[in-house]
Amino acid sequence: MNTIDATMSMLEVMPEDARKKVYEFTQQLFTAKKPANPFTPVSTAQILSDLEESRRQIADGDGIEMEQALTEMGKRH
């Protein structure tokens, strides 16, 4: 059974009030006003400035190993 079939099967046995809530929620997903791209454009100058800062931090020993960074991010999220 593919995802669409499973979803349809689930909706068919759902009580009418629950089906209405699902419909309203999906409508909100499609009509919500949000930017298509959550990232703001960045200038070349800003990218180079960020890169310079990053290189300075690494040279000063302020950086952390990727494995450690990923582990910490995993704990937070």
N, C-alpha and C. Protein backbone atom coordinates (compact mmCIF):
# COMPACT_ATOMS: atom_id res chain seq x y z
N MET A 1 0.85 -1.18 0.00
CA MET A 1 0.00 0.00 0.00
C MET A 1 0.90 1.24 0.00
N ASN A 2 0.66 2.14 -0.95
CA ASN A 2 1.47 3.35 -0.99
C ASN A 2 0.92 4.39 -0.02
N THR A 3 1.61 5.50 0.09
CA THR A 3 1.24 6.52 1.07
C THR A 3 -0.15 7.10 0.80
N ILE A 4 -0.46 7.36 -0.45
CA ILE A 4 -1.77 7.93 -0.77
C ILE A 4 -2.89 6.96 -0.42
N ASP A 5 -2.71 5.68 -0.76
CA ASP A 5 -3.72 4.68 -0.42
C ASP A 5 -3.90 4.57 1.09
N ALA A 6 -2.80 4.57 1.80
CA ALA A 6 -2.86 4.46 3.26
C ALA A 6 -3.57 5.67 3.86
N THR A 7 -3.27 6.86 3.34
CA THR A 7 -3.91 8.08 3.83
C THR A 7 -5.40 8.06 3.55
N MET A 8 -5.78 7.67 2.34
CA MET A 8 -7.20 7.60 1.98
C MET A 8 -7.93 6.59 2.85
N SER A 9 -7.29 5.46 3.08
CA SER A 9 -7.89 4.43 3.92
C SER A 9 -8.13 4.95 5.34
N MET A 10 -7.16 5.68 5.85
CA MET A 10 -7.26 6.23 7.19
C MET A 10 -8.38 7.28 7.25
N LEU A 11 -8.46 8.13 6.23
CA LEU A 11 -9.49 9.16 6.21
C LEU A 11 -10.90 8.57 6.10
N GLU A 12 -11.01 7.46 5.38
CA GLU A 12 -12.31 6.83 5.20
C GLU A 12 -12.91 6.31 6.51
N VAL A 13 -12.07 5.86 7.43
CA VAL A 13 -12.59 5.30 8.68
C VAL A 13 -12.62 6.33 9.81
N MET A 14 -12.10 7.52 9.54
CA MET A 14 -12.04 8.57 10.54
C MET A 14 -13.43 9.17 10.76
N PRO A 15 -13.77 9.54 11.99
CA PRO A 15 -15.04 10.22 12.24
C PRO A 15 -15.10 11.54 11.47
N GLU A 16 -16.29 11.96 11.13
CA GLU A 16 -16.50 13.17 10.33
C GLU A 16 -15.84 14.41 10.94
N ASP A 17 -15.95 14.59 12.26
CA ASP A 17 -15.36 15.78 12.89
C ASP A 17 -13.84 15.77 12.79
N ALA A 18 -13.23 14.60 12.89
CA ALA A 18 -11.78 14.49 12.76
C ALA A 18 -11.36 14.77 11.32
N ARG A 19 -12.14 14.27 10.37
CA ARG A 19 -11.86 14.50 8.95
C ARG A 19 -11.92 16.00 8.64
N LYS A 20 -12.88 16.68 9.25
CA LYS A 20 -13.01 18.13 9.05
C LYS A 20 -11.78 18.86 9.59
N LYS A 21 -11.28 18.42 10.75
CA LYS A 21 -10.07 19.04 11.32
C LYS A 21 -8.87 18.84 10.41
N VAL A 22 -8.74 17.65 9.84
CA VAL A 22 -7.65 17.36 8.91
C VAL A 22 -7.76 18.28 7.69
N TYR A 23 -8.96 18.42 7.17
CA TYR A 23 -9.19 19.28 6.01
C TYR A 23 -8.81 20.73 6.33
N GLU A 24 -9.25 21.23 7.47
CA GLU A 24 -8.96 22.62 7.85
C GLU A 24 -7.46 22.83 8.03
N PHE A 25 -6.78 21.85 8.63
CA PHE A 25 -5.35 21.97 8.82
C PHE A 25 -4.61 22.01 7.48
N THR A 26 -4.99 21.12 6.56
CA THR A 26 -4.32 21.11 5.25
C THR A 26 -4.60 22.39 4.48
N GLN A 27 -5.79 22.94 4.64
CA GLN A 27 -6.09 24.22 3.99
C GLN A 27 -5.18 25.32 4.52
N GLN A 28 -4.92 25.31 5.81
CA GLN A 28 -4.03 26.31 6.41
C GLN A 28 -2.61 26.18 5.85
N LEU A 29 -2.18 24.96 5.61
CA LEU A 29 -0.85 24.76 5.06
C LEU A 29 -0.70 25.42 3.69
N PHE A 30 -1.75 25.33 2.89
CA PHE A 30 -1.69 25.86 1.54
C PHE A 30 -1.99 27.35 1.45
N THR A 31 -2.67 27.89 2.44
CA THR A 31 -3.04 29.30 2.37
C THR A 31 -2.23 30.19 3.32
N ALA A 32 -1.37 29.60 4.13
CA ALA A 32 -0.57 30.39 5.07
C ALA A 32 0.35 31.33 4.29
N LYS A 33 0.43 32.56 4.77
CA LYS A 33 1.31 33.52 4.12
C LYS A 33 2.69 33.42 4.74
N LYS A 34 3.58 32.86 3.98
CA LYS A 34 4.95 32.72 4.44
C LYS A 34 5.86 32.82 3.23
N PRO A 35 7.06 33.29 3.43
CA PRO A 35 7.95 33.41 2.28
C PRO A 35 8.32 32.03 1.73
N ALA A 36 8.49 31.96 0.44
CA ALA A 36 8.85 30.70 -0.20
C ALA A 36 10.24 30.26 0.25
N ASN A 37 11.11 31.21 0.50
CA ASN A 37 12.47 30.91 0.91
C ASN A 37 12.72 31.54 2.27
N PRO A 38 12.96 30.73 3.31
CA PRO A 38 13.15 31.30 4.65
C PRO A 38 14.49 32.00 4.84
N PHE A 39 15.39 31.86 3.87
CA PHE A 39 16.71 32.46 3.99
C PHE A 39 16.74 33.81 3.28
N THR A 40 17.29 34.81 3.97
CA THR A 40 17.39 36.13 3.35
C THR A 40 18.62 36.19 2.46
N PRO A 41 18.54 36.92 1.37
CA PRO A 41 19.70 37.04 0.48
C PRO A 41 20.87 37.69 1.22
N VAL A 42 22.06 37.25 0.89
CA VAL A 42 23.27 37.78 1.53
C VAL A 42 24.21 38.27 0.42
N SER A 43 24.82 39.40 0.68
CA SER A 43 25.73 39.97 -0.31
C SER A 43 27.05 39.22 -0.33
N THR A 44 27.78 39.38 -1.41
CA THR A 44 29.12 38.78 -1.52
C THR A 44 30.02 39.31 -0.42
N ALA A 45 29.90 40.59 -0.13
CA ALA A 45 30.72 41.20 0.94
C ALA A 45 30.44 40.53 2.28
N GLN A 46 29.16 40.22 2.57
CA GLN A 46 28.81 39.58 3.84
C GLN A 46 29.36 38.16 3.89
N ILE A 47 29.27 37.45 2.79
CA ILE A 47 29.81 36.08 2.74
C ILE A 47 31.31 36.09 3.00
N LEU A 48 32.03 37.01 2.35
CA LEU A 48 33.48 37.09 2.54
C LEU A 48 33.83 37.52 3.96
N SER A 49 33.03 38.40 4.53
CA SER A 49 33.24 38.83 5.92
C SER A 49 33.04 37.65 6.88
N ASP A 50 31.98 36.89 6.65
CA ASP A 50 31.71 35.71 7.49
C ASP A 50 32.83 34.68 7.36
N LEU A 51 33.32 34.49 6.14
CA LEU A 51 34.40 33.54 5.90
C LEU A 51 35.68 33.99 6.61
N GLU A 52 35.97 35.28 6.55
CA GLU A 52 37.15 35.81 7.23
C GLU A 52 37.04 35.59 8.75
N GLU A 53 35.86 35.86 9.30
CA GLU A 53 35.64 35.66 10.74
C GLU A 53 35.80 34.19 11.11
N SER A 54 35.26 33.32 10.27
CA SER A 54 35.37 31.88 10.52
C SER A 54 36.82 31.42 10.52
N ARG A 55 37.57 31.90 9.54
CA ARG A 55 39.01 31.54 9.46
C ARG A 55 39.77 32.07 10.67
N ARG A 56 39.42 33.28 11.12
CA ARG A 56 40.07 33.84 12.30
C ARG A 56 39.78 32.99 13.53
N GLN A 57 38.52 32.58 13.68
CA GLN A 57 38.15 31.75 14.83
C GLN A 57 38.91 30.42 14.82
N ILE A 58 39.04 29.82 13.66
CA ILE A 58 39.77 28.55 13.55
C ILE A 58 41.24 28.76 13.89
N ALA A 59 41.83 29.84 13.36
CA ALA A 59 43.23 30.14 13.64
C ALA A 59 43.47 30.40 15.13
N ASP A 60 42.48 30.98 15.80
CA ASP A 60 42.60 31.26 17.24
C ASP A 60 42.28 30.03 18.09
N GLY A 61 41.90 28.93 17.44
CA GLY A 61 41.58 27.71 18.18
C GLY A 61 40.17 27.71 18.76
N ASP A 62 39.31 28.60 18.26
CA ASP A 62 37.94 28.69 18.77
C ASP A 62 36.97 27.72 18.10
N GLY A 63 37.40 27.05 17.05
CA GLY A 63 36.52 26.13 16.33
C GLY A 63 36.36 24.82 17.09
N ILE A 64 35.36 24.03 16.68
CA ILE A 64 35.18 22.70 17.27
C ILE A 64 35.14 21.68 16.15
N GLU A 65 35.42 20.45 16.46
CA GLU A 65 35.40 19.38 15.48
C GLU A 65 33.97 19.14 15.00
N MET A 66 33.84 18.76 13.75
CA MET A 66 32.52 18.54 13.15
C MET A 66 31.73 17.49 13.93
N GLU A 67 32.38 16.42 14.33
CA GLU A 67 31.69 15.35 15.09
C GLU A 67 31.07 15.92 16.36
N GLN A 68 31.82 16.76 17.06
CA GLN A 68 31.32 17.38 18.29
C GLN A 68 30.15 18.33 17.98
N ALA A 69 30.29 19.11 16.92
CA ALA A 69 29.22 20.05 16.54
C ALA A 69 27.94 19.29 16.21
N LEU A 70 28.06 18.20 15.46
CA LEU A 70 26.88 17.41 15.09
C LEU A 70 26.25 16.75 16.31
N THR A 71 27.07 16.28 17.23
CA THR A 71 26.55 15.67 18.46
C THR A 71 25.78 16.70 19.27
N GLU A 72 26.32 17.90 19.41
CA GLU A 72 25.65 18.94 20.17
C GLU A 72 24.35 19.37 19.50
N MET A 73 24.36 19.48 18.17
CA MET A 73 23.14 19.83 17.45
C MET A 73 22.08 18.74 17.61
N GLY A 74 22.52 17.49 17.57
CA GLY A 74 21.60 16.37 17.74
C GLY A 74 20.94 16.38 19.11
N LYS A 75 21.68 16.77 20.14
CA LYS A 75 21.12 16.83 21.49
C LYS A 75 20.08 17.94 21.60
N ARG A 76 20.32 19.06 20.90
CA ARG A 76 19.39 20.19 20.97
C ARG A 76 18.13 19.96 20.15
N HIS A 77 18.25 19.20 19.08
CA HIS A 77 17.11 19.04 18.17
C HIS A 77 16.67 17.62 18.17
